[in-house]
Amino acid sequence: MSKVREYFKGVKSDWNKIIWSDKKTLIKETAVVIGFCAVLIVLIVGVDTATQYAVNFVTGLIAKS
């Protein structure tokens, strides 16, 4: 039982060492993450769409022959 108590004392000690960001920094970092996710979404949709058109083109050529 003492190991569990020591563990939670360590957690409490480490929790007090956390430096939380201020509101302005948090908003900036959140905006960067959302912007990065939006760019990735656009890239993934673009690659997916291009791949879909390429597969449809190839299967159309195969079906015609």
Protein backbone atom coordinates (compact mmCIF):
# COMPACT_ATOMS: atom_id res chain seq x y z
CA MET A 1 0.00 0.00 0.00
CA SER A 2 2.90 2.35 0.65
CA LYS A 3 4.05 2.03 -2.98
CA VAL A 4 0.67 3.26 -4.16
CA ARG A 5 0.82 6.18 -1.73
CA GLU A 6 4.35 7.06 -2.93
CA TYR A 7 3.20 6.89 -6.53
CA PHE A 8 0.39 9.38 -5.95
CA LYS A 9 2.69 11.68 -3.97
CA GLY A 10 4.99 11.67 -7.00
CA VAL A 11 2.07 12.41 -9.31
CA LYS A 12 1.03 15.33 -7.11
CA SER A 13 4.59 16.64 -7.03
CA ASP A 14 4.92 16.43 -10.82
CA TRP A 15 1.48 18.00 -11.31
CA ASN A 16 2.62 21.06 -9.40
CA LYS A 17 5.64 21.42 -11.73
CA ILE A 18 3.47 21.81 -14.84
CA ILE A 19 3.65 25.26 -16.39
CA TRP A 20 0.32 25.98 -18.06
CA SER A 21 0.22 28.23 -21.10
CA ASP A 22 -1.55 31.56 -20.94
CA LYS A 23 -4.74 32.13 -22.93
CA LYS A 24 -3.05 34.02 -25.77
CA THR A 25 -0.45 31.30 -26.35
CA LEU A 26 -3.08 28.58 -26.12
CA ILE A 27 -5.22 30.29 -28.78
CA LYS A 28 -2.21 30.70 -31.12
CA GLU A 29 -1.14 27.07 -30.73
CA THR A 30 -4.70 25.84 -31.24
CA ALA A 31 -4.99 27.90 -34.43
CA VAL A 32 -1.74 26.42 -35.74
CA VAL A 33 -2.95 22.88 -35.05
CA ILE A 34 -6.32 23.52 -36.73
CA GLY A 35 -4.59 25.12 -39.73
CA PHE A 36 -2.19 22.20 -40.06
CA CYS A 37 -5.09 19.73 -39.88
CA ALA A 38 -6.95 21.69 -42.57
CA VAL A 39 -3.91 21.55 -44.88
CA LEU A 40 -3.57 17.81 -44.32
CA ILE A 41 -7.28 17.29 -45.04
CA VAL A 42 -6.96 19.17 -48.33
CA LEU A 43 -3.88 17.12 -49.31
CA ILE A 44 -5.52 13.81 -48.42
CA VAL A 45 -8.73 14.68 -50.29
CA GLY A 46 -6.67 15.77 -53.29
CA VAL A 47 -4.62 12.58 -53.40
CA ASP A 48 -7.73 10.46 -52.86
CA THR A 49 -9.60 12.22 -55.66
CA ALA A 50 -6.65 11.95 -58.07
CA THR A 51 -6.27 8.27 -57.26
CA GLN A 52 -9.98 7.69 -57.79
CA TYR A 53 -9.87 9.35 -61.21
CA ALA A 54 -6.76 7.40 -62.18
CA VAL A 55 -8.29 4.07 -61.19
CA ASN A 56 -11.52 4.89 -63.02
CA PHE A 57 -9.52 5.89 -66.11
CA VAL A 58 -7.49 2.67 -66.10
CA THR A 59 -10.52 0.46 -65.47
CA GLY A 60 -12.33 2.27 -68.29
CA LEU A 61 -9.48 1.51 -70.67
CA ILE A 62 -9.48 -2.13 -69.64
CA ALA A 63 -13.25 -2.42 -70.04
CA LYS A 64 -13.12 -0.94 -73.59
CA SER A 65 -10.54 -3.42 -74.83
